[in-house]
Amino acid sequence: MKKTEEAMTFPLSLLEDLSTSGAGFDVLRYIGLPDLFGEESDTLLYFMGRKLARRFSFNELEDIYKAFEQLGWGQLELVKEKRKELVFSLMADTIVRKLNAPVSIDFRLEAGFLAEAVHMAFDTSTECVEEINPKIHQVELTVLYTS
């Protein structure tokens, strides 16, 4: 990829054009990457998510919600807002199936993407952590303001 292409940002509508279904992505993500990178795959996925988010423009939460849905990651919803953090719920039928799969599932890519998207939308430094609640098949993503 040329250097000028690396710096390009894309409209969120690009995600509609690239939408596919299938398990190929999940096989690469949950089996291929850990086999290739071992324990470092979590960190790589987090920073990959942050870098991917930089390729799009986020001006408000609605843009972020739309991106999550179009990426097939599920329905993102702000459930709690505090002075130094935003707590989101991520739910989808695909999350239920993934959590029932016999492989280790994480949401580091989504956490990195969300951290960077919130940073871009609100111009504040952020980090994000995820917590899986397997009983209700829900992922909680907490964006922490670091500045």
Protein backbone atom coordinates (compact mmCIF):
# COMPACT_ATOMS: atom_id res chain seq x y z
CA MET A 1 0.00 0.00 0.00
CA LYS A 2 1.34 3.41 -0.89
CA LYS A 3 2.03 5.88 1.90
CA THR A 4 -0.64 8.27 0.60
CA GLU A 5 -3.24 5.49 0.74
CA GLU A 6 -2.33 4.72 4.37
CA ALA A 7 -3.31 8.21 5.46
CA MET A 8 -6.65 8.17 3.64
CA THR A 9 -9.85 8.11 5.59
CA PHE A 10 -12.96 6.47 4.26
CA PRO A 11 -16.66 7.29 4.59
CA LEU A 12 -18.63 4.99 6.89
CA SER A 13 -20.70 4.00 3.85
CA LEU A 14 -17.70 1.92 2.70
CA LEU A 15 -18.68 -0.62 5.36
CA GLU A 16 -21.96 -1.27 3.54
CA ASP A 17 -20.04 -2.17 0.40
CA LEU A 18 -17.69 -4.55 2.23
CA SER A 19 -20.30 -6.35 4.33
CA THR A 20 -20.17 -10.14 4.08
CA SER A 21 -21.28 -13.07 6.18
CA GLY A 22 -19.41 -16.19 7.10
CA ALA A 23 -16.96 -17.54 9.60
CA GLY A 24 -13.77 -16.74 7.69
CA PHE A 25 -13.02 -13.59 9.63
CA ASP A 26 -13.66 -15.28 12.98
CA VAL A 27 -11.45 -18.25 12.08
CA LEU A 28 -8.59 -15.87 11.26
CA ARG A 29 -9.21 -13.79 14.37
CA TYR A 30 -9.78 -16.44 17.03
CA ILE A 31 -7.65 -19.29 15.69
CA GLY A 32 -5.15 -17.93 13.14
CA LEU A 33 -3.89 -14.85 14.99
CA PRO A 34 -3.37 -16.58 18.36
CA ASP A 35 -1.52 -19.42 16.58
CA LEU A 36 0.70 -16.91 14.81
CA PHE A 37 1.27 -14.33 17.57
CA GLY A 38 0.52 -16.24 20.78
CA GLU A 39 -0.03 -14.08 23.84
CA GLU A 40 0.69 -10.92 21.84
CA SER A 41 -2.46 -11.35 19.72
CA ASP A 42 -4.62 -9.52 22.32
CA THR A 43 -2.37 -6.45 22.22
CA LEU A 44 -2.11 -6.55 18.44
CA LEU A 45 -5.89 -6.75 18.07
CA TYR A 46 -6.40 -3.79 20.41
CA PHE A 47 -3.99 -1.58 18.47
CA MET A 48 -5.31 -2.87 15.15
CA GLY A 49 -8.77 -1.74 16.26
CA ARG A 50 -7.44 1.70 17.14
CA LYS A 51 -5.64 2.01 13.82
CA LEU A 52 -8.71 0.86 11.86
CA ALA A 53 -10.90 3.46 13.57
CA ARG A 54 -8.51 6.18 12.42
CA ARG A 55 -9.42 5.33 8.83
CA PHE A 56 -12.97 6.62 9.35
CA SER A 57 -14.51 9.86 10.57
CA PHE A 58 -16.46 9.84 13.81
CA ASN A 59 -18.30 12.97 14.89
CA GLU A 60 -20.84 11.53 17.33
CA LEU A 61 -21.90 8.33 19.07
CA GLU A 62 -24.40 7.53 16.30
CA ASP A 63 -21.49 7.18 13.85
CA ILE A 64 -19.81 4.70 16.18
CA TYR A 65 -23.03 2.69 16.67
CA LYS A 66 -23.47 2.48 12.91
CA ALA A 67 -19.89 1.33 12.38
CA PHE A 68 -20.25 -1.46 14.96
CA GLU A 69 -23.42 -2.74 13.30
CA GLN A 70 -21.98 -2.59 9.79
CA LEU A 71 -18.79 -4.32 10.90
CA GLY A 72 -20.96 -7.15 12.23
CA TRP A 73 -19.81 -6.63 15.80
CA GLY A 74 -23.29 -6.15 17.23
CA GLN A 75 -25.49 -3.46 18.68
CA LEU A 76 -23.56 -0.98 20.78
CA GLU A 77 -25.47 1.03 23.35
CA LEU A 78 -24.34 3.60 25.90
CA VAL A 79 -25.68 2.37 29.26
CA LYS A 80 -23.84 4.58 31.74
CA GLU A 81 -22.02 7.87 31.57
CA LYS A 82 -19.76 9.04 34.36
CA ARG A 83 -17.36 11.94 34.64
CA LYS A 84 -14.31 9.90 33.59
CA GLU A 85 -15.87 6.99 31.69
CA LEU A 86 -18.50 5.76 29.29
CA VAL A 87 -19.92 2.27 29.71
CA PHE A 88 -21.32 0.54 26.64
CA SER A 89 -23.19 -2.71 26.19
CA LEU A 90 -22.51 -4.80 23.10
CA MET A 91 -25.06 -7.47 22.25
CA ALA A 92 -25.84 -9.61 19.21
CA ASP A 93 -26.91 -13.10 18.26
CA THR A 94 -23.40 -13.62 16.88
CA ILE A 95 -21.92 -12.83 20.30
CA VAL A 96 -24.11 -15.54 21.86
CA ARG A 97 -22.86 -18.05 19.29
CA LYS A 98 -19.23 -16.98 19.72
CA LEU A 99 -19.40 -17.26 23.50
CA ASN A 100 -20.76 -20.79 23.14
CA ALA A 101 -17.98 -21.79 20.72
CA PRO A 102 -15.14 -24.04 21.93
CA VAL A 103 -12.47 -21.37 21.30
CA SER A 104 -11.21 -18.49 23.39
CA ILE A 105 -13.20 -15.37 22.49
CA ASP A 106 -12.14 -11.80 23.19
CA PHE A 107 -13.28 -8.36 22.18
CA ARG A 108 -9.92 -6.57 22.07
CA LEU A 109 -10.39 -5.44 18.46
CA GLU A 110 -13.74 -3.86 19.33
CA ALA A 111 -12.28 -2.28 22.47
CA GLY A 112 -9.44 -0.67 20.54
CA PHE A 113 -11.77 0.52 17.82
CA LEU A 114 -14.19 2.01 20.36
CA ALA A 115 -11.40 3.74 22.30
CA GLU A 116 -10.12 5.45 19.17
CA ALA A 117 -13.58 6.29 17.80
CA VAL A 118 -14.57 7.98 21.07
CA HIS A 119 -11.22 9.78 21.08
CA MET A 120 -11.94 11.08 17.59
CA ALA A 121 -15.56 12.04 18.27
CA PHE A 122 -14.89 13.87 21.54
CA ASP A 123 -11.23 14.90 21.15
CA THR A 124 -10.10 13.36 24.43
CA SER A 125 -7.52 10.69 25.26
CA THR A 126 -9.11 7.31 25.94
CA GLU A 127 -8.48 3.65 26.66
CA CYS A 128 -11.04 0.87 26.67
CA VAL A 129 -11.43 -2.37 28.61
CA GLU A 130 -13.94 -5.12 27.99
CA GLU A 131 -15.71 -7.48 30.32
CA ILE A 132 -17.70 -10.48 29.17
CA ASN A 133 -20.82 -11.50 31.08
CA PRO A 134 -21.33 -15.07 29.83
CA LYS A 135 -24.59 -15.56 31.76
CA ILE A 136 -26.44 -12.94 29.73
CA HIS A 137 -24.20 -13.18 26.64
CA GLN A 138 -23.28 -9.53 26.80
CA VAL A 139 -20.03 -7.63 26.48
CA GLU A 140 -19.47 -4.48 28.51
CA LEU A 141 -16.98 -2.03 27.01
CA THR A 142 -15.78 0.72 29.33
CA VAL A 143 -14.08 3.72 27.75
CA LEU A 144 -11.91 5.56 30.26
CA TYR A 145 -10.88 9.17 29.75
CA THR A 146 -7.15 9.31 30.39
CA SER A 147 -6.58 13.06 30.20
